[in-house]
Protein backbone atom coordinates (compact mmCIF):
# COMPACT_ATOMS: atom_id res chain seq x y z
CA MET A 1 0.00 0.00 0.00
CA GLU A 2 1.39 3.40 -0.98
CA GLU A 3 2.24 5.81 1.80
CA ASN A 4 0.14 8.94 2.16
CA SER A 5 2.04 12.25 2.28
CA ILE A 6 -1.02 14.36 3.17
CA ILE A 7 -3.91 13.20 5.37
CA ILE A 8 -6.80 15.61 5.94
CA LYS A 9 -9.65 14.48 8.20
CA ASN A 10 -12.94 16.30 8.78
CA VAL A 11 -11.41 19.78 8.48
CA THR A 12 -13.63 22.82 8.99
CA LYS A 13 -12.47 26.43 8.72
CA GLN A 14 -14.57 29.53 9.17
CA PHE A 15 -13.95 33.28 9.28
CA LYS A 16 -15.80 36.20 10.82
CA VAL A 17 -16.72 38.95 8.37
CA TYR A 18 -17.20 42.24 10.25
CA TYR A 19 -19.42 45.06 9.01
CA ASP A 20 -18.67 47.89 11.46
CA LYS A 21 -15.56 46.79 13.33
CA GLY A 22 -13.67 49.68 14.95
CA GLN A 23 -10.24 50.35 13.51
CA SER A 24 -8.68 52.42 16.30
CA LEU A 25 -8.57 51.65 20.05
CA LYS A 26 -10.95 54.57 20.67
CA GLU A 27 -13.48 53.24 18.16
CA LYS A 28 -13.26 49.74 19.64
CA ILE A 29 -14.03 51.09 23.12
CA ILE A 30 -16.81 53.50 22.08
CA PHE A 31 -18.49 51.09 19.65
CA LYS A 32 -17.80 47.91 21.60
CA GLY A 33 -21.31 46.55 21.07
CA ARG A 34 -21.46 47.35 17.37
CA ASN A 35 -19.10 44.70 16.02
CA ARG A 36 -21.72 43.12 13.78
CA HIS A 37 -20.42 40.21 11.78
CA ASP A 38 -21.34 37.13 9.83
CA THR A 39 -19.60 33.78 10.20
CA ARG A 40 -18.54 32.42 6.84
CA VAL A 41 -17.76 28.70 6.59
CA VAL A 42 -14.98 28.41 4.00
CA LEU A 43 -14.27 24.68 4.42
CA ASP A 44 -16.96 22.33 5.66
CA ASP A 45 -15.88 18.89 6.93
CA ILE A 46 -13.23 18.27 4.24
CA SER A 47 -11.45 14.91 4.13
CA LEU A 48 -8.89 13.70 1.61
CA THR A 49 -5.52 11.96 1.23
CA VAL A 50 -2.66 12.52 -1.19
CA LYS A 51 -0.23 9.69 -1.87
CA LYS A 52 3.53 10.16 -1.83
CA GLY A 53 4.77 11.30 -5.25
CA GLU A 54 1.27 12.18 -6.46
CA ALA A 55 0.45 15.47 -8.21
CA VAL A 56 -2.99 16.85 -7.35
CA GLY A 57 -4.79 19.91 -8.73
CA LEU A 58 -7.37 21.83 -6.68
CA ILE A 59 -10.02 23.53 -8.82
CA GLY A 60 -13.12 25.61 -8.16
CA HIS A 61 -14.46 29.12 -8.63
CA ASN A 62 -13.06 32.06 -6.66
CA GLY A 63 -13.97 31.88 -2.98
CA CYS A 64 -14.71 28.15 -2.96
CA GLY A 65 -12.02 27.41 -0.33
CA LYS A 66 -9.18 25.86 -2.35
CA SER A 67 -6.53 28.47 -1.43
CA THR A 68 -7.59 28.30 2.23
CA LEU A 69 -7.11 24.54 2.13
CA LEU A 70 -3.60 25.01 0.73
CA LYS A 71 -2.75 27.52 3.49
CA LEU A 72 -3.95 25.02 6.08
CA MET A 73 -1.52 22.46 4.63
CA THR A 74 1.34 24.96 5.02
CA ARG A 75 0.22 25.80 8.59
CA ILE A 76 -0.15 29.48 7.72
CA LEU A 77 -3.71 28.91 8.98
CA TYR A 78 -5.06 26.30 11.37
CA PRO A 79 -8.39 24.46 11.18
CA ASP A 80 -11.25 25.13 13.59
CA LYS A 81 -12.06 21.42 13.54
CA GLY A 82 -10.36 18.32 12.20
CA THR A 83 -6.73 17.37 11.63
CA ILE A 84 -4.12 17.89 8.90
CA ASP A 85 -1.03 15.69 8.75
CA VAL A 86 1.62 16.63 6.17
CA LYS A 87 4.63 14.35 6.29
CA GLY A 88 8.17 15.59 5.63
CA ARG A 89 9.64 18.94 4.63
CA VAL A 90 7.10 21.30 3.04
CA SER A 91 7.96 23.95 0.44
CA SER A 92 5.28 26.38 -0.66
CA LEU A 93 4.58 29.10 -3.20
CA ILE A 94 1.44 30.62 -1.75
CA GLU A 95 1.80 34.37 -2.28
CA LEU A 96 4.15 36.24 -4.57
CA GLY A 97 7.27 37.29 -2.66
CA ALA A 98 6.08 35.91 0.68
CA GLY A 99 9.09 35.73 3.00
CA PHE A 100 11.11 38.25 0.95
CA HIS A 101 12.39 41.48 2.51
CA PRO A 102 12.13 44.30 -0.06
CA ASP A 103 15.32 46.08 1.04
CA MET A 104 17.47 42.96 0.99
CA SER A 105 19.15 41.76 -2.18
CA GLY A 106 18.01 38.70 -4.11
CA ARG A 107 21.02 36.78 -2.81
CA GLU A 108 20.26 37.70 0.82
CA ASN A 109 16.62 36.75 0.36
CA ILE A 110 17.64 33.35 -0.97
CA TYR A 111 19.37 32.64 2.35
CA THR A 112 16.46 34.00 4.38
CA ASN A 113 13.76 32.23 2.38
CA ALA A 114 15.57 28.89 2.20
CA SER A 115 16.22 28.96 5.94
CA ILE A 116 12.46 29.33 6.49
CA PHE A 117 12.08 26.03 4.61
CA GLY A 118 14.54 24.43 7.03
CA LEU A 119 17.86 24.49 5.16
CA SER A 120 21.11 25.12 6.98
CA LYS A 121 23.60 27.73 5.73
CA LYS A 122 25.84 24.95 4.46
CA GLU A 123 22.95 23.42 2.48
CA ILE A 124 22.04 26.81 1.03
CA ASP A 125 25.67 27.46 0.05
CA SER A 126 25.74 24.22 -1.91
CA ARG A 127 22.50 25.10 -3.77
CA LEU A 128 23.07 28.84 -4.27
CA ASN A 129 24.47 28.70 -7.81
CA ASP A 130 21.69 26.32 -8.95
CA ILE A 131 19.03 28.66 -7.52
CA ILE A 132 20.50 31.74 -9.20
CA GLU A 133 21.04 29.95 -12.51
CA PHE A 134 17.48 28.61 -12.65
CA SER A 135 16.03 32.05 -11.83
CA GLU A 136 18.00 33.64 -14.71
CA LEU A 137 18.58 36.67 -12.47
CA GLN A 138 22.38 36.62 -12.39
CA GLU A 139 22.80 40.32 -13.23
CA PHE A 140 20.11 41.39 -10.74
CA ILE A 141 20.80 39.00 -7.86
CA ASP A 142 22.59 41.63 -5.74
CA ASN A 143 19.93 44.31 -6.28
CA PRO A 144 17.19 44.96 -3.65
CA VAL A 145 14.13 42.86 -4.49
CA ARG A 146 11.92 45.96 -4.25
CA THR A 147 13.38 46.82 -7.67
CA TYR A 148 12.19 43.47 -9.10
CA SER A 149 9.18 43.07 -11.35
CA SER A 150 6.45 40.58 -10.41
CA GLY A 151 7.93 38.12 -12.91
CA MET A 152 11.36 38.42 -11.31
CA TYR A 153 9.80 37.85 -7.86
CA MET A 154 8.21 34.67 -9.17
CA ARG A 155 11.44 33.43 -10.73
CA LEU A 156 13.35 33.85 -7.49
CA ALA A 157 10.60 32.41 -5.27
CA PHE A 158 10.11 29.37 -7.52
CA SER A 159 13.85 28.78 -7.82
CA VAL A 160 14.22 28.67 -4.03
CA ALA A 161 11.15 26.48 -3.50
CA ILE A 162 12.25 23.77 -5.94
CA ASN A 163 15.80 23.58 -4.58
CA VAL A 164 15.07 22.81 -0.93
CA ASP A 165 14.56 19.07 -1.55
CA ALA A 166 11.03 19.23 -0.16
CA ASP A 167 8.91 16.15 0.35
CA VAL A 168 5.75 18.18 -0.36
CA LEU A 169 5.50 21.18 -2.70
CA LEU A 170 2.41 23.42 -2.51
CA ILE A 171 1.71 25.97 -5.27
CA ASP A 172 -1.10 28.54 -5.46
CA GLU A 173 -1.56 30.18 -8.91
CA ILE A 174 2.03 31.43 -8.77
CA LEU A 175 2.82 30.00 -12.22
CA ALA A 176 0.35 32.41 -13.81
CA VAL A 177 3.10 35.02 -13.45
CA GLY A 178 6.06 35.19 -15.80
CA ASP A 179 6.70 34.78 -19.50
CA THR A 180 5.72 31.70 -21.50
CA ASN A 181 9.25 30.34 -21.77
CA PHE A 182 9.83 30.46 -18.03
CA GLN A 183 6.44 28.85 -17.34
CA ALA A 184 7.41 25.97 -19.64
CA LYS A 185 10.74 25.71 -17.82
CA CYS A 186 8.94 25.61 -14.46
CA PHE A 187 6.62 22.79 -15.54
CA SER A 188 9.53 20.82 -16.94
CA LYS A 189 11.26 21.17 -13.57
CA LEU A 190 8.09 20.19 -11.71
CA LYS A 191 7.87 16.99 -13.78
CA GLU A 192 11.48 16.25 -12.85
CA ILE A 193 10.76 16.85 -9.16
CA LYS A 194 7.62 14.72 -9.33
CA ALA A 195 9.60 11.87 -10.90
CA LYS A 196 11.90 11.93 -7.86
CA GLY A 197 8.94 11.26 -5.56
CA THR A 198 7.95 14.74 -4.40
CA THR A 199 4.24 15.19 -3.63
CA ILE A 200 2.81 18.27 -5.38
CA VAL A 201 -0.49 20.10 -4.81
CA ILE A 202 -1.39 22.92 -7.22
CA VAL A 203 -4.25 25.42 -7.03
CA SER A 204 -4.93 26.73 -10.52
CA HIS A 205 -7.65 28.07 -12.82
CA SER A 206 -5.70 26.70 -15.80
CA LEU A 207 -7.34 23.34 -16.41
CA ASP A 208 -4.96 22.63 -19.31
CA GLN A 209 -1.96 22.90 -16.97
CA ILE A 210 -3.56 20.57 -14.45
CA GLU A 211 -4.47 18.01 -17.13
CA ALA A 212 -0.92 18.09 -18.47
CA PHE A 213 0.72 17.62 -15.08
CA CYS A 214 -1.57 16.23 -12.38
CA ASP A 215 -2.69 12.69 -11.63
CA ARG A 216 -5.89 13.85 -9.92
CA SER A 217 -8.20 16.84 -9.78
CA ILE A 218 -10.21 17.71 -6.68
CA TRP A 219 -13.15 20.02 -7.32
CA ILE A 220 -14.15 22.14 -4.32
CA ASN A 221 -17.42 24.05 -4.25
CA LYS A 222 -18.90 25.98 -1.31
CA GLY A 223 -16.36 24.47 1.07
CA LYS A 224 -17.03 20.83 0.13
CA ILE A 225 -15.42 18.33 -2.21
CA VAL A 226 -17.77 17.83 -5.15
CA ALA A 227 -15.63 15.41 -7.16
CA ASP A 228 -12.23 13.73 -6.99
CA GLY A 229 -10.74 11.77 -9.89
CA LEU A 230 -8.97 11.89 -13.24
CA PRO A 231 -8.55 15.52 -14.36
CA ARG A 232 -10.15 15.12 -17.78
CA ASP A 233 -13.29 13.51 -16.29
CA ILE A 234 -13.63 16.03 -13.46
CA HIS A 235 -12.99 19.04 -15.69
CA MET A 236 -15.81 18.17 -18.11
CA ASP A 237 -18.33 18.28 -15.26
CA TYR A 238 -16.71 21.39 -13.80
CA LEU A 239 -16.92 23.28 -17.10
CA ASP A 240 -20.59 22.33 -17.47
CA TYR A 241 -21.25 23.59 -13.94
CA MET A 242 -19.43 26.86 -14.60
CA GLY A 243 -21.45 27.28 -17.78
CA GLU A 244 -24.70 26.87 -15.83
CA ARG A 245 -23.42 29.26 -13.16
CA ARG A 246 -22.59 31.87 -15.79
CA ASN A 247 -26.04 31.29 -17.27
CA GLU A 248 -27.65 32.15 -13.95
CA GLN A 249 -25.46 35.24 -13.60
CA GLN A 250 -26.33 36.31 -17.13
CA LYS A 251 -30.03 35.87 -16.41
CA LYS A 252 -29.67 38.23 -13.47
CA GLU A 253 -27.83 40.68 -15.71
CA LYS A 254 -30.56 40.30 -18.30
CA GLU A 255 -33.25 41.13 -15.74
CA LYS A 256 -31.27 44.22 -14.77
CA GLN A 257 -30.88 45.18 -18.42
CA GLU A 258 -34.58 44.76 -19.04
CA LYS A 259 -35.27 47.31 -16.29
CA GLU A 260 -33.01 49.72 -18.14
CA GLU A 261 -34.60 48.87 -21.50
CA LYS A 262 -36.45 52.17 -21.77
CA GLU A 263 -33.22 54.09 -21.36
CA LYS A 264 -31.46 52.36 -24.23
CA LYS A 265 -30.87 54.33 -27.36
CA ARG A 266 -33.49 53.64 -30.03
CA TRP A 267 -34.46 55.56 -33.09
CA GLY A 268 -36.76 55.30 -36.10
CA ASN A 269 -40.04 56.65 -37.48
CA GLY A 270 -42.10 54.38 -35.17
CA ASP A 271 -44.30 52.83 -37.86
CA ALA A 272 -43.37 49.47 -36.30
CA GLN A 273 -41.70 48.69 -33.01
CA ILE A 274 -39.80 45.72 -31.60
CA THR A 275 -41.69 44.78 -28.45
CA GLY A 276 -39.84 41.68 -27.28
CA VAL A 277 -36.56 39.86 -27.86
CA LYS A 278 -35.52 36.39 -26.67
CA VAL A 279 -32.35 34.37 -27.20
CA THR A 280 -33.03 30.62 -27.22
CA ASP A 281 -31.45 27.27 -28.05
CA LYS A 282 -32.55 25.16 -31.01
CA ASP A 283 -35.53 23.81 -29.01
CA GLY A 284 -36.77 27.28 -28.10
CA ASN A 285 -35.53 27.22 -24.51
CA GLU A 286 -34.55 30.71 -23.42
CA LYS A 287 -30.86 30.98 -22.44
CA THR A 288 -27.89 33.28 -22.88
CA VAL A 289 -24.85 30.99 -22.48
CA PHE A 290 -23.88 28.59 -25.27
CA HIS A 291 -21.00 26.32 -26.29
CA VAL A 292 -19.15 27.56 -29.35
CA GLY A 293 -20.93 26.09 -32.38
CA ASP A 294 -24.34 25.71 -30.71
CA ASN A 295 -27.58 26.52 -32.51
CA VAL A 296 -28.62 30.04 -31.42
CA LYS A 297 -31.98 31.60 -32.19
CA VAL A 298 -33.05 35.23 -31.74
CA LYS A 299 -36.82 35.67 -31.59
CA ILE A 300 -38.22 39.14 -32.34
CA ASP A 301 -41.78 40.18 -31.47
CA TYR A 302 -42.95 43.36 -33.18
CA LYS A 303 -45.96 45.64 -33.21
CA VAL A 304 -47.18 47.43 -36.34
CA ASN A 305 -48.52 50.94 -35.79
CA LYS A 306 -48.66 51.73 -39.50
CA PRO A 307 -48.10 49.37 -42.46
CA VAL A 308 -44.44 49.23 -43.48
CA LYS A 309 -43.86 48.72 -47.18
CA ASP A 310 -40.69 47.05 -48.50
CA ALA A 311 -39.67 46.18 -44.94
CA VAL A 312 -36.23 44.91 -43.97
CA PHE A 313 -35.19 43.14 -40.77
CA GLY A 314 -31.53 43.35 -39.80
CA ILE A 315 -29.13 42.03 -37.16
CA GLY A 316 -25.66 43.13 -36.07
CA ILE A 317 -23.43 41.26 -33.61
CA PHE A 318 -20.72 43.02 -31.60
CA ARG A 319 -18.26 41.66 -29.07
CA ASN A 320 -18.59 43.46 -25.74
CA ASP A 321 -15.31 45.33 -26.39
CA GLY A 322 -16.96 46.93 -29.44
CA VAL A 323 -15.52 44.69 -32.17
CA TYR A 324 -18.02 44.33 -35.02
CA CYS A 325 -18.31 40.59 -35.63
CA TYR A 326 -21.13 40.14 -38.12
CA GLY A 327 -24.12 41.83 -39.70
CA THR A 328 -26.77 40.99 -42.26
CA ASN A 329 -30.40 41.65 -43.13
CA THR A 330 -33.25 40.10 -45.08
CA ARG A 331 -32.32 42.04 -48.23
CA ILE A 332 -28.66 40.94 -48.12
CA ASP A 333 -29.81 37.34 -47.62
CA ARG A 334 -32.09 37.67 -50.67
CA ILE A 335 -35.39 37.18 -48.84
CA ASP A 336 -38.29 38.07 -51.16
CA GLU A 337 -39.53 41.63 -50.68
CA PHE A 338 -42.39 41.93 -48.18
CA ASP A 339 -44.56 44.37 -46.27
CA ILE A 340 -45.54 44.13 -42.61
CA VAL A 341 -49.09 45.17 -41.92
CA GLU A 342 -49.91 43.47 -38.62
CA ASP A 343 -48.20 42.39 -35.41
CA GLY A 344 -46.02 39.31 -35.63
CA SER A 345 -42.85 37.44 -34.68
CA LEU A 346 -39.65 36.65 -36.54
CA ILE A 347 -36.91 34.15 -35.70
CA ILE A 348 -33.29 34.56 -36.82
CA GLU A 349 -31.64 31.14 -36.52
CA MET A 350 -27.86 30.61 -36.51
CA PRO A 351 -27.44 26.80 -36.81
CA SER A 352 -23.77 26.95 -35.83
CA ALA A 353 -22.74 30.09 -33.95
CA ASP A 354 -18.97 29.66 -34.16
CA LEU A 355 -18.13 32.83 -32.24
CA LEU A 356 -15.27 32.09 -29.84
CA PRO A 357 -15.65 32.51 -26.04
CA GLY A 358 -16.88 35.94 -25.06
CA LYS A 359 -19.94 38.10 -24.51
CA TYR A 360 -21.76 39.34 -27.61
CA LEU A 361 -24.24 42.23 -27.94
CA VAL A 362 -26.93 42.12 -30.63
CA ASP A 363 -28.40 45.12 -32.45
CA LEU A 364 -31.74 44.58 -34.19
CA ALA A 365 -33.44 46.78 -36.75
CA ILE A 366 -36.56 47.26 -38.82
CA GLU A 367 -36.06 49.42 -41.90
CA CYS A 368 -38.02 50.26 -45.03
CA ASP A 369 -37.25 51.30 -48.56
CA ARG A 370 -33.50 51.82 -48.87
CA GLY A 371 -32.35 52.05 -45.26
CA VAL A 372 -34.98 54.30 -43.70
CA PRO A 373 -34.96 53.41 -39.95
CA VAL A 374 -38.33 52.27 -38.60
CA ASP A 375 -37.02 50.94 -35.27
CA TYR A 376 -33.30 50.54 -34.59
CA PHE A 377 -32.82 48.76 -31.25
CA LYS A 378 -29.21 49.03 -30.06
CA GLU A 379 -28.05 46.21 -27.74
CA ALA A 380 -31.47 44.59 -27.89
CA CYS A 381 -30.13 41.38 -26.37
CA PHE A 382 -26.90 39.54 -25.65
CA PHE A 383 -25.48 36.05 -25.38
CA GLU A 384 -22.24 34.47 -24.22
CA THR A 385 -20.20 31.60 -25.63
CA TYR A 386 -17.69 29.37 -23.89
CA SER A 387 -15.53 26.46 -24.99
CA LYS A 388 -13.54 23.56 -23.63
CA ARG A 389 -10.90 24.27 -26.27
CA GLY A 390 -8.28 26.98 -26.06
CA ASP A 391 -8.45 28.57 -29.52
CA SER A 392 -8.59 32.35 -29.67
CA GLY A 393 -9.84 35.15 -31.91
CA ILE A 394 -13.39 35.94 -33.03
CA THR A 395 -14.62 32.86 -34.88
CA ARG A 396 -13.65 29.22 -35.21
CA ILE A 397 -12.25 27.97 -38.52
CA ASP A 398 -11.90 24.21 -38.78
CA GLN A 399 -8.48 22.96 -39.75
CA ILE A 400 -6.61 19.69 -40.29
CA TRP A 401 -3.02 19.22 -39.13
CA HIS A 402 -0.98 17.17 -41.61
CA MET A 403 1.97 16.26 -39.41
CA PRO A 404 5.38 15.24 -40.77
CA GLU A 405 6.01 11.51 -40.75
CA ASN A 406 9.47 11.84 -39.19
CA ILE A 407 8.38 13.46 -35.91
CA LYS A 408 9.09 11.59 -32.69
CA LYS A 409 5.85 10.74 -30.91
CA GLN A 410 5.85 10.71 -27.09
């Protein structure tokens, strides 16, 4: 049976959130009875084990408790209930530059930081050149660290943490800092450390990094473990959940926007008016969050105040940063000329909306003749797309990779 490096049993951690806590001694005395607060349970009866040499990723939305759990493992915080047993020397990268003194040089901070991890001066001396070389900060190593950029902080902190021969390495989003080349170098080093038997726990929002490196993913939500297993399996469910969560948030935003509907800029002669707009899936279910490539429908209800001859319906789609993504109308799409003489509804269906992840605002219009505005409705509705792939830009273009035959497959 493999030995466990980390054993967490029935851990609970809560914090008090104060609303009117006095800041000065005078305020605390005068307003002694006014320290109103709520108790927030961040971790609720958490139990898990991590085997020696295993790499585990902790995932979850902001505020779910994953970083608190990592701090409990480092003993920066202590649980209100339960026990945490971490075996061996622990090295951690929890906060950028934690343990560094800004007025000391990089070299001096190496000695200070490494000693916090339990190394003797002799051990640090023997590792000093390796630490400096890995950090790539040779020409800056004797400068005060207050002159370092955030990327330089990360380089130095990571270089120290991986050279203390720790049994357990704990990392919290620190690898999001730094250039791409150094991040690749860090992950290559982490794989080397893992191969030597070091236990690694990473908190990250980068699911791709976790899938590439970790043996397990643990999904934490509202202070509890929702799922624990192979990263690719857990991440599919997590992404679906986050999509539903964004959908709920977007519905709330939509309700707020509907209250502000009357204040939106609209213009036209008023012969007809758009009275209702809904974004739905292919089955007509109202929603605002879609996977890239989903069928998206925009339903328009309109009221006719005066017959509109040679009418034209139009749509324009803009990314929320103002980029114009697409626009068309019934005339451009060669729909037979028509008049609208009574109230009705129109559906614009996009069978495969291949707009890449982002929020998109939709302008709708009724015109007549050659561009005379009847009702132009700016930002009439919106929808959001998300994807489990990492492509970028505005729209997805399918491609096929014809790889050379002489490449070396891993």
